[in-house]
Amino acid sequence: MLHFSCDSCGQPLDDQRFVVRLEVFPAFEPAEVSEADLDVDHLQEIAAELTELEFSGEELEELHSQTFRYDLCPRCHSQYVKDPLRRDALRRLNFSEN
């Protein structure tokens, strides 16, 4: 038998649990192409750009889609639905001025 616990608070979960699935991927919005762009041969420019590009393993990892899955208890679920990015929680932090 599988036992689940809340990924937010750690509380053991019974039959009532909620699943959050997130997918993070780089946004891609193609630039507009004009007639003048189509008339020019950009092969040499592309070749020069490709030789300049050297990605590390970490940079390549950022270019791929990543998925995450979390199990939440009813209390954490209601908090998550109200504020998924936890912006309100960050605003409540009171830092002293030095």
PDB file of N, CA and C in Angstrom:
ATOM      1  N   MET A   1       0.839  -1.178   0.000  1.00  0.00           N
ATOM      2  CA  MET A   1       0.000   0.000   0.000  1.00  0.00           C
ATOM      3  C   MET A   1       0.883   1.239   0.000  1.00  0.00           C
ATOM      4  N   LEU A   2       0.562   2.179  -0.842  1.00  0.00           N
ATOM      5  CA  LEU A   2       1.332   3.408  -0.923  1.00  0.00           C
ATOM      6  C   LEU A   2       0.886   4.392   0.151  1.00  0.00           C
ATOM      7  N   HIS A   3       1.846   5.070   0.747  1.00  0.00           N
ATOM      8  CA  HIS A   3       1.555   6.105   1.729  1.00  0.00           C
ATOM      9  C   HIS A   3       2.070   7.424   1.183  1.00  0.00           C
ATOM     10  N   PHE A   4       1.223   8.445   1.221  1.00  0.00           N
ATOM     11  CA  PHE A   4       1.584   9.753   0.716  1.00  0.00           C
ATOM     12  C   PHE A   4       1.689  10.740   1.866  1.00  0.00           C
ATOM     13  N   SER A   5       2.562  11.715   1.694  1.00  0.00           N
ATOM     14  CA  SER A   5       2.641  12.824   2.644  1.00  0.00           C
ATOM     15  C   SER A   5       2.635  14.123   1.844  1.00  0.00           C
ATOM     16  N   CYS A   6       2.155  15.184   2.499  1.00  0.00           N
ATOM     17  CA  CYS A   6       2.065  16.484   1.842  1.00  0.00           C
ATOM     18  C   CYS A   6       3.470  17.000   1.557  1.00  0.00           C
ATOM     19  N   ASP A   7       3.725  17.387   0.330  1.00  0.00           N
ATOM     20  CA  ASP A   7       5.047  17.899  -0.048  1.00  0.00           C
ATOM     21  C   ASP A   7       5.294  19.302   0.481  1.00  0.00           C
ATOM     22  N   SER A   8       4.270  19.949   1.028  1.00  0.00           N
ATOM     23  CA  SER A   8       4.440  21.284   1.580  1.00  0.00           C
ATOM     24  C   SER A   8       4.662  21.244   3.088  1.00  0.00           C
ATOM     25  N   CYS A   9       3.784  20.565   3.827  1.00  0.00           N
ATOM     26  CA  CYS A   9       3.873  20.569   5.292  1.00  0.00           C
ATOM     27  C   CYS A   9       4.357  19.252   5.873  1.00  0.00           C
ATOM     28  N   GLY A  10       4.382  18.182   5.082  1.00  0.00           N
ATOM     29  CA  GLY A  10       4.869  16.890   5.554  1.00  0.00           C
ATOM     30  C   GLY A  10       3.822  16.030   6.235  1.00  0.00           C
ATOM     31  N   GLN A  11       2.607  16.500   6.362  1.00  0.00           N
ATOM     32  CA  GLN A  11       1.526  15.760   7.021  1.00  0.00           C
ATOM     33  C   GLN A  11       1.178  14.513   6.223  1.00  0.00           C
ATOM     34  N   PRO A  12       0.972  13.359   6.912  1.00  0.00           N
ATOM     35  CA  PRO A  12       0.534  12.161   6.182  1.00  0.00           C
ATOM     36  C   PRO A  12      -0.819  12.417   5.524  1.00  0.00           C
ATOM     37  N   LEU A  13      -0.978  11.897   4.326  1.00  0.00           N
ATOM     38  CA  LEU A  13      -2.214  12.118   3.567  1.00  0.00           C
ATOM     39  C   LEU A  13      -3.061  10.857   3.577  1.00  0.00           C
ATOM     40  N   ASP A  14      -4.368  11.053   3.703  1.00  0.00           N
ATOM     41  CA  ASP A  14      -5.300   9.941   3.600  1.00  0.00           C
ATOM     42  C   ASP A  14      -5.851   9.910   2.180  1.00  0.00           C
ATOM     43  N   ASP A  15      -7.100   9.547   2.033  1.00  0.00           N
ATOM     44  CA  ASP A  15      -7.690   9.443   0.695  1.00  0.00           C
ATOM     45  C   ASP A  15      -7.847  10.790   0.004  1.00  0.00           C
ATOM     46  N   GLN A  16      -7.982  11.860   0.801  1.00  0.00           N
ATOM     47  CA  GLN A  16      -8.181  13.172   0.186  1.00  0.00           C
ATOM     48  C   GLN A  16      -6.830  13.876   0.058  1.00  0.00           C
ATOM     49  N   ARG A  17      -6.367  13.941  -1.156  1.00  0.00           N
ATOM     50  CA  ARG A  17      -5.115  14.649  -1.456  1.00  0.00           C
ATOM     51  C   ARG A  17      -5.265  15.329  -2.791  1.00  0.00           C
ATOM     52  N   PHE A  18      -4.429  16.296  -3.031  1.00  0.00           N
ATOM     53  CA  PHE A  18      -4.466  17.059  -4.274  1.00  0.00           C
ATOM     54  C   PHE A  18      -3.103  16.968  -4.937  1.00  0.00           C
ATOM     55  N   VAL A  19      -3.112  16.879  -6.259  1.00  0.00           N
ATOM     56  CA  VAL A  19      -1.876  16.772  -7.033  1.00  0.00           C
ATOM     57  C   VAL A  19      -1.677  18.061  -7.815  1.00  0.00           C
ATOM     58  N   VAL A  20      -0.480  18.622  -7.699  1.00  0.00           N
ATOM     59  CA  VAL A  20      -0.101  19.806  -8.468  1.00  0.00           C
ATOM     60  C   VAL A  20       0.954  19.364  -9.467  1.00  0.00           C
ATOM     61  N   ARG A  21       0.733  19.689 -10.721  1.00  0.00           N
ATOM     62  CA  ARG A  21       1.721  19.394 -11.773  1.00  0.00           C
ATOM     63  C   ARG A  21       2.142  20.717 -12.391  1.00  0.00           C
ATOM     64  N   LEU A  22       3.438  20.923 -12.477  1.00  0.00           N
ATOM     65  CA  LEU A  22       3.987  22.139 -13.074  1.00  0.00           C
ATOM     66  C   LEU A  22       4.891  21.760 -14.233  1.00  0.00           C
ATOM     67  N   GLU A  23       4.845  22.571 -15.266  1.00  0.00           N
ATOM     68  CA  GLU A  23       5.781  22.415 -16.378  1.00  0.00           C
ATOM     69  C   GLU A  23       6.442  23.756 -16.607  1.00  0.00           C
ATOM     70  N   VAL A  24       7.761  23.740 -16.619  1.00  0.00           N
ATOM     71  CA  VAL A  24       8.534  24.953 -16.817  1.00  0.00           C
ATOM     72  C   VAL A  24       9.331  24.780 -18.105  1.00  0.00           C
ATOM     73  N   PHE A  25       9.186  25.760 -19.004  1.00  0.00           N
ATOM     74  CA  PHE A  25       9.896  25.681 -20.275  1.00  0.00           C
ATOM     75  C   PHE A  25      10.186  27.089 -20.764  1.00  0.00           C
ATOM     76  N   PRO A  26      11.227  27.236 -21.581  1.00  0.00           N
ATOM     77  CA  PRO A  26      11.540  28.570 -22.097  1.00  0.00           C
ATOM     78  C   PRO A  26      10.485  29.036 -23.086  1.00  0.00           C
ATOM     79  N   ALA A  27      10.117  30.294 -22.972  1.00  0.00           N
ATOM     80  CA  ALA A  27       9.151  30.873 -23.905  1.00  0.00           C
ATOM     81  C   ALA A  27       9.868  31.203 -25.212  1.00  0.00           C
ATOM     82  N   PHE A  28       9.185  30.980 -26.295  1.00  0.00           N
ATOM     83  CA  PHE A  28       9.764  31.272 -27.601  1.00  0.00           C
ATOM     84  C   PHE A  28       8.745  32.038 -28.414  1.00  0.00           C
ATOM     85  N   GLU A  29       9.105  33.232 -28.747  1.00  0.00           N
ATOM     86  CA  GLU A  29       8.246  34.036 -29.616  1.00  0.00           C
ATOM     87  C   GLU A  29       9.074  34.409 -30.845  1.00  0.00           C
ATOM     88  N   PRO A  30       8.735  33.836 -31.980  1.00  0.00           N
ATOM     89  CA  PRO A  30       9.524  34.119 -33.188  1.00  0.00           C
ATOM     90  C   PRO A  30       9.426  35.589 -33.590  1.00  0.00           C
ATOM     91  N   ALA A  31      10.538  36.091 -34.095  1.00  0.00           N
ATOM     92  CA  ALA A  31      10.568  37.477 -34.569  1.00  0.00           C
ATOM     93  C   ALA A  31       9.801  37.572 -35.883  1.00  0.00           C
ATOM     94  N   GLU A  32       9.318  38.760 -36.161  1.00  0.00           N
ATOM     95  CA  GLU A  32       8.623  38.962 -37.426  1.00  0.00           C
ATOM     96  C   GLU A  32       9.620  38.926 -38.575  1.00  0.00           C
ATOM     97  N   VAL A  33       9.223  38.307 -39.658  1.00  0.00           N
ATOM     98  CA  VAL A  33      10.076  38.176 -40.838  1.00  0.00           C
ATOM     99  C   VAL A  33       9.488  39.038 -41.943  1.00  0.00           C
ATOM    100  N   SER A  34      10.353  39.886 -42.518  1.00  0.00           N
ATOM    101  CA  SER A  34       9.894  40.757 -43.605  1.00  0.00           C
ATOM    102  C   SER A  34      10.375  40.190 -44.949  1.00  0.00           C
ATOM    103  N   GLU A  35       9.907  40.784 -46.009  1.00  0.00           N
ATOM    104  CA  GLU A  35      10.327  40.372 -47.352  1.00  0.00           C
ATOM    105  C   GLU A  35      11.830  40.578 -47.541  1.00  0.00           C
ATOM    106  N   ALA A  36      12.362  41.659 -46.980  1.00  0.00           N
ATOM    107  CA  ALA A  36      13.801  41.935 -47.099  1.00  0.00           C
ATOM    108  C   ALA A  36      14.627  40.846 -46.416  1.00  0.00           C
ATOM    109  N   ASP A  37      14.127  40.327 -45.297  1.00  0.00           N
ATOM    110  CA  ASP A  37      14.833  39.250 -44.602  1.00  0.00           C
ATOM    111  C   ASP A  37      14.890  37.985 -45.448  1.00  0.00           C
ATOM    112  N   LEU A  38      13.851  37.744 -46.211  1.00  0.00           N
ATOM    113  CA  LEU A  38      13.810  36.538 -47.032  1.00  0.00           C
ATOM    114  C   LEU A  38      14.715  36.645 -48.248  1.00  0.00           C
ATOM    115  N   ASP A  39      15.015  37.846 -48.701  1.00  0.00           N
ATOM    116  CA  ASP A  39      15.845  38.030 -49.881  1.00  0.00           C
ATOM    117  C   ASP A  39      17.333  37.863 -49.588  1.00  0.00           C
ATOM    118  N   VAL A  40      17.753  38.044 -48.340  1.00  0.00           N
ATOM    119  CA  VAL A  40      19.172  37.982 -47.976  1.00  0.00           C
ATOM    120  C   VAL A  40      19.531  36.558 -47.578  1.00  0.00           C
ATOM    121  N   ASP A  41      20.748  36.118 -47.977  1.00  0.00           N
ATOM    122  CA  ASP A  41      21.246  34.803 -47.587  1.00  0.00           C
ATOM    123  C   ASP A  41      21.960  34.940 -46.247  1.00  0.00           C
ATOM    124  N   HIS A  42      21.387  34.397 -45.210  1.00  0.00           N
ATOM    125  CA  HIS A  42      21.927  34.533 -43.859  1.00  0.00           C
ATOM    126  C   HIS A  42      22.783  33.347 -43.437  1.00  0.00           C
ATOM    127  N   LEU A  43      23.159  32.490 -44.362  1.00  0.00           N
ATOM    128  CA  LEU A  43      23.887  31.275 -44.027  1.00  0.00           C
ATOM    129  C   LEU A  43      25.209  31.577 -43.329  1.00  0.00           C
ATOM    130  N   GLN A  44      25.960  32.548 -43.816  1.00  0.00           N
ATOM    131  CA  GLN A  44      27.242  32.880 -43.185  1.00  0.00           C
ATOM    132  C   GLN A  44      27.032  33.469 -41.798  1.00  0.00           C
ATOM    133  N   GLU A  45      26.006  34.304 -41.625  1.00  0.00           N
ATOM    134  CA  GLU A  45      25.728  34.881 -40.320  1.00  0.00           C
ATOM    135  C   GLU A  45      25.347  33.790 -39.316  1.00  0.00           C
ATOM    136  N   ILE A  46      24.568  32.828 -39.761  1.00  0.00           N
ATOM    137  CA  ILE A  46      24.166  31.727 -38.889  1.00  0.00           C
ATOM    138  C   ILE A  46      25.369  30.887 -38.504  1.00  0.00           C
ATOM    139  N   ALA A  47      26.249  30.611 -39.458  1.00  0.00           N
ATOM    140  CA  ALA A  47      27.444  29.823 -39.172  1.00  0.00           C
ATOM    141  C   ALA A  47      28.334  30.532 -38.155  1.00  0.00           C
ATOM    142  N   ALA A  48      28.475  31.840 -38.274  1.00  0.00           N
ATOM    143  CA  ALA A  48      29.285  32.599 -37.325  1.00  0.00           C
ATOM    144  C   ALA A  48      28.661  32.569 -35.932  1.00  0.00           C
ATOM    145  N   GLU A  49      27.346  32.699 -35.866  1.00  0.00           N
ATOM    146  CA  GLU A  49      26.654  32.657 -34.572  1.00  0.00           C
ATOM    147  C   GLU A  49      26.810  31.288 -33.921  1.00  0.00           C
ATOM    148  N   LEU A  50      26.698  30.229 -34.699  1.00  0.00           N
ATOM    149  CA  LEU A  50      26.805  28.878 -34.148  1.00  0.00           C
ATOM    150  C   LEU A  50      28.188  28.591 -33.591  1.00  0.00           C
ATOM    151  N   THR A  51      29.225  29.115 -34.248  1.00  0.00           N
ATOM    152  CA  THR A  51      30.577  28.895 -33.725  1.00  0.00           C
ATOM    153  C   THR A  51      30.810  29.670 -32.434  1.00  0.00           C
ATOM    154  N   GLU A  52      30.101  30.785 -32.235  1.00  0.00           N
ATOM    155  CA  GLU A  52      30.239  31.559 -31.007  1.00  0.00           C
ATOM    156  C   GLU A  52      29.484  30.938 -29.841  1.00  0.00           C
ATOM    157  N   LEU A  53      28.455  30.172 -30.150  1.00  0.00           N
ATOM    158  CA  LEU A  53      27.638  29.580 -29.094  1.00  0.00           C
ATOM    159  C   LEU A  53      28.318  28.343 -28.526  1.00  0.00           C
ATOM    160  N   GLU A  54      28.582  28.373 -27.237  1.00  0.00           N
ATOM    161  CA  GLU A  54      29.084  27.189 -26.548  1.00  0.00           C
ATOM    162  C   GLU A  54      28.329  27.104 -25.238  1.00  0.00           C
ATOM    163  N   PHE A  55      27.420  26.153 -25.153  1.00  0.00           N
ATOM    164  CA  PHE A  55      26.602  26.007 -23.967  1.00  0.00           C
ATOM    165  C   PHE A  55      27.254  25.044 -22.982  1.00  0.00           C
ATOM    166  N   SER A  56      27.196  25.388 -21.721  1.00  0.00           N
ATOM    167  CA  SER A  56      27.612  24.450 -20.686  1.00  0.00           C
ATOM    168  C   SER A  56      26.449  23.498 -20.432  1.00  0.00           C
ATOM    169  N   GLY A  57      26.676  22.454 -19.663  1.00  0.00           N
ATOM    170  CA  GLY A  57      25.611  21.513 -19.340  1.00  0.00           C
ATOM    171  C   GLY A  57      24.473  22.188 -18.603  1.00  0.00           C
ATOM    172  N   GLU A  58      24.796  23.129 -17.709  1.00  0.00           N
ATOM    173  CA  GLU A  58      23.769  23.838 -16.947  1.00  0.00           C
ATOM    174  C   GLU A  58      22.913  24.714 -17.855  1.00  0.00           C
ATOM    175  N   GLU A  59      23.526  25.391 -18.814  1.00  0.00           N
ATOM    176  CA  GLU A  59      22.768  26.234 -19.739  1.00  0.00           C
ATOM    177  C   GLU A  59      21.873  25.390 -20.631  1.00  0.00           C
ATOM    178  N   LEU A  60      22.352  24.222 -21.050  1.00  0.00           N
ATOM    179  CA  LEU A  60      21.531  23.340 -21.870  1.00  0.00           C
ATOM    180  C   LEU A  60      20.331  22.832 -21.082  1.00  0.00           C
ATOM    181  N   GLU A  61      20.536  22.564 -19.788  1.00  0.00           N
ATOM    182  CA  GLU A  61      19.441  22.085 -18.947  1.00  0.00           C
ATOM    183  C   GLU A  61      18.331  23.124 -18.842  1.00  0.00           C
ATOM    184  N   GLU A  62      18.688  24.408 -18.823  1.00  0.00           N
ATOM    185  CA  GLU A  62      17.701  25.477 -18.728  1.00  0.00           C
ATOM    186  C   GLU A  62      16.847  25.581 -19.989  1.00  0.00           C
ATOM    187  N   LEU A  63      17.344  25.066 -21.118  1.00  0.00           N
ATOM    188  CA  LEU A  63      16.619  25.164 -22.379  1.00  0.00           C
ATOM    189  C   LEU A  63      15.563  24.077 -22.535  1.00  0.00           C
ATOM    190  N   HIS A  64      15.591  23.059 -21.686  1.00  0.00           N
ATOM    191  CA  HIS A  64      14.655  21.952 -21.801  1.00  0.00           C
ATOM    192  C   HIS A  64      13.457  22.150 -20.886  1.00  0.00           C
ATOM    193  N   SER A  65      12.383  21.504 -21.250  1.00  0.00           N
ATOM    194  CA  SER A  65      11.176  21.532 -20.430  1.00  0.00           C
ATOM    195  C   SER A  65      11.409  20.693 -19.175  1.00  0.00           C
ATOM    196  N   GLN A  66      10.913  21.186 -18.036  1.00  0.00           N
ATOM    197  CA  GLN A  66      11.012  20.446 -16.783  1.00  0.00           C
ATOM    198  C   GLN A  66       9.615  20.315 -16.200  1.00  0.00           C
ATOM    199  N   THR A  67       9.310  19.157 -15.645  1.00  0.00           N
ATOM    200  CA  THR A  67       8.011  18.945 -15.024  1.00  0.00           C
ATOM    201  C   THR A  67       8.213  18.589 -13.555  1.00  0.00           C
ATOM    202  N   PHE A  68       7.273  19.033 -12.725  1.00  0.00           N
ATOM    203  CA  PHE A  68       7.306  18.782 -11.297  1.00  0.00           C
ATOM    204  C   PHE A  68       5.928  18.281 -10.871  1.00  0.00           C
ATOM    205  N   ARG A  69       5.899  17.429  -9.847  1.00  0.00           N
ATOM    206  CA  ARG A  69       4.638  16.889  -9.321  1.00  0.00           C
ATOM    207  C   ARG A  69       4.698  16.941  -7.805  1.00  0.00           C
ATOM    208  N   TYR A  70       3.627  17.470  -7.190  1.00  0.00           N
ATOM    209  CA  TYR A  70       3.562  17.600  -5.743  1.00  0.00           C
ATOM    210  C   TYR A  70       2.216  17.095  -5.247  1.00  0.00           C
ATOM    211  N   ASP A  71       2.217  16.422  -4.095  1.00  0.00           N
ATOM    212  CA  ASP A  71       0.993  16.016  -3.412  1.00  0.00           C
ATOM    213  C   ASP A  71       0.756  16.999  -2.274  1.00  0.00           C
ATOM    214  N   LEU A  72      -0.482  17.487  -2.162  1.00  0.00           N
ATOM    215  CA  LEU A  72      -0.821  18.458  -1.128  1.00  0.00           C
ATOM    216  C   LEU A  72      -2.010  17.983  -0.304  1.00  0.00           C
ATOM    217  N   CYS A  73      -1.982  18.340   0.987  1.00  0.00           N
ATOM    218  CA  CYS A  73      -3.123  18.094   1.861  1.00  0.00           C
ATOM    219  C   CYS A  73      -4.183  19.164   1.568  1.00  0.00           C
ATOM    220  N   PRO A  74      -5.413  19.000   2.048  1.00  0.00           N
ATOM    221  CA  PRO A  74      -6.460  19.991   1.767  1.00  0.00           C
ATOM    222  C   PRO A  74      -6.096  21.402   2.229  1.00  0.00           C
ATOM    223  N   ARG A  75      -5.444  21.555   3.387  1.00  0.00           N
ATOM    224  CA  ARG A  75      -5.092  22.885   3.881  1.00  0.00           C
ATOM    225  C   ARG A  75      -4.054  23.548   2.978  1.00  0.00           C
ATOM    226  N   CYS A  76      -3.007  22.825   2.631  1.00  0.00           N
ATOM    227  CA  CYS A  76      -1.973  23.394   1.752  1.00  0.00           C
ATOM    228  C   CYS A  76      -2.527  23.635   0.351  1.00  0.00           C
ATOM    229  N   HIS A  77      -3.439  22.785  -0.090  1.00  0.00           N
ATOM    230  CA  HIS A  77      -4.069  22.985  -1.393  1.00  0.00           C
ATOM    231  C   HIS A  77      -4.828  24.304  -1.435  1.00  0.00           C
ATOM    232  N   SER A  78      -5.623  24.582  -0.391  1.00  0.00           N
ATOM    233  CA  SER A  78      -6.394  25.828  -0.398  1.00  0.00           C
ATOM    234  C   SER A  78      -5.470  27.040  -0.351  1.00  0.00           C
ATOM    235  N   GLN A  79      -4.362  26.938   0.368  1.00  0.00           N
ATOM    236  CA  GLN A  79      -3.387  28.035   0.377  1.00  0.00           C
ATOM    237  C   GLN A  79      -2.730  28.188  -0.984  1.00  0.00           C
ATOM    238  N   TYR A  80      -2.404  27.082  -1.613  1.00  0.00           N
ATOM    239  CA  TYR A  80      -1.744  27.113  -2.921  1.00  0.00           C
ATOM    240  C   TYR A  80      -2.657  27.731  -3.979  1.00  0.00           C
ATOM    241  N   VAL A  81      -3.919  27.345  -3.985  1.00  0.00           N
ATOM    242  CA  VAL A  81      -4.858  27.860  -4.981  1.00  0.00           C
ATOM    243  C   VAL A  81      -5.047  29.367  -4.828  1.00  0.00           C
ATOM    244  N   LYS A  82      -5.041  29.858  -3.593  1.00  0.00           N
ATOM    245  CA  LYS A  82      -5.206  31.287  -3.348  1.00  0.00           C
ATOM    246  C   LYS A  82      -3.980  32.085  -3.778  1.00  0.00           C
ATOM    247  N   ASP A  83      -2.787  31.506  -3.619  1.00  0.00           N
ATOM    248  CA  ASP A  83      -1.555  32.247  -3.883  1.00  0.00           C
ATOM    249  C   ASP A  83      -0.464  31.291  -4.381  1.00  0.00           C
ATOM    250  N   PRO A  84      -0.550  30.827  -5.646  1.00  0.00           N
ATOM    251  CA  PRO A  84       0.390  29.811  -6.146  1.00  0.00           C
ATOM    252  C   PRO A  84       1.860  30.252  -6.133  1.00  0.00           C
ATOM    253  N   LEU A  85       2.120  31.535  -6.306  1.00  0.00           N
ATOM    254  CA  LEU A  85       3.513  32.001  -6.314  1.00  0.00           C
ATOM    255  C   LEU A  85       3.975  32.481  -4.940  1.00  0.00           C
ATOM    256  N   ARG A  86       3.126  32.376  -3.939  1.00  0.00           N
ATOM    257  CA  ARG A  86       3.418  32.737  -2.553  1.00  0.00           C
ATOM    258  C   ARG A  86       3.855  34.191  -2.414  1.00  0.00           C
ATOM    259  N   ARG A  87       3.267  35.063  -3.207  1.00  0.00           N
ATOM    260  CA  ARG A  87       3.587  36.489  -3.138  1.00  0.00           C
ATOM    261  C   ARG A  87       3.117  37.102  -1.828  1.00  0.00           C
ATOM    262  N   ASP A  88       1.928  36.706  -1.358  1.00  0.00           N
ATOM    263  CA  ASP A  88       1.430  37.242  -0.086  1.00  0.00           C
ATOM    264  C   ASP A  88       2.329  36.839   1.069  1.00  0.00           C
ATOM    265  N   ALA A  89       2.830  35.623   1.043  1.00  0.00           N
ATOM    266  CA  ALA A  89       3.718  35.161   2.114  1.00  0.00           C
ATOM    267  C   ALA A  89       5.003  35.979   2.138  1.00  0.00           C
ATOM    268  N   LEU A  90       5.515  36.341   0.981  1.00  0.00           N
ATOM    269  CA  LEU A  90       6.743  37.144   0.924  1.00  0.00           C
ATOM    270  C   LEU A  90       6.499  38.564   1.420  1.00  0.00           C
ATOM    271  N   ARG A  91       5.312  39.105   1.153  1.00  0.00           N
ATOM    272  CA  ARG A  91       4.995  40.456   1.614  1.00  0.00           C
ATOM    273  C   ARG A  91       4.862  40.526   3.123  1.00  0.00           C
ATOM    274  N   ARG A  92       4.473  39.415   3.753  1.00  0.00           N
ATOM    275  CA  ARG A  92       4.284  39.396   5.192  1.00  0.00           C
ATOM    276  C   ARG A  92       5.601  39.371   5.964  1.00  0.00           C
ATOM    277  N   LEU A  93       6.682  39.049   5.296  1.00  0.00           N
ATOM    278  CA  LEU A  93       7.973  39.036   5.982  1.00  0.00           C
ATOM    279  C   LEU A  93       8.377  40.469   6.313  1.00  0.00           C
ATOM    280  N   ASN A  94       8.700  40.713   7.549  1.00  0.00           N
ATOM    281  CA  ASN A  94       9.105  42.040   7.984  1.00  0.00           C
ATOM    282  C   ASN A  94      10.609  42.030   8.243  1.00  0.00           C
ATOM    283  N   PHE A  95      11.337  42.725   7.417  1.00  0.00           N
ATOM    284  CA  PHE A  95      12.772  42.821   7.588  1.00  0.00           C
ATOM    285  C   PHE A  95      13.091  44.120   8.327  1.00  0.00           C
ATOM    286  N   SER A  96      14.048  44.038   9.239  1.00  0.00           N
ATOM    287  CA  SER A  96      14.453  45.254   9.940  1.00  0.00           C
ATOM    288  C   SER A  96      15.347  46.081   9.030  1.00  0.00           C
ATOM    289  N   GLU A  97      15.269  47.385   9.195  1.00  0.00           N
ATOM    290  CA  GLU A  97      16.122  48.252   8.400  1.00  0.00           C
ATOM    291  C   GLU A  97      17.440  48.458   9.136  1.00  0.00           C
ATOM    292  N   ASN A  98      18.517  48.203   8.463  1.00  0.00           N
ATOM    293  CA  ASN A  98      19.852  48.337   9.079  1.00  0.00           C
ATOM    294  C   ASN A  98      20.437  49.681   8.795  1.00  0.00           C
TER     295      ASN A  98
END
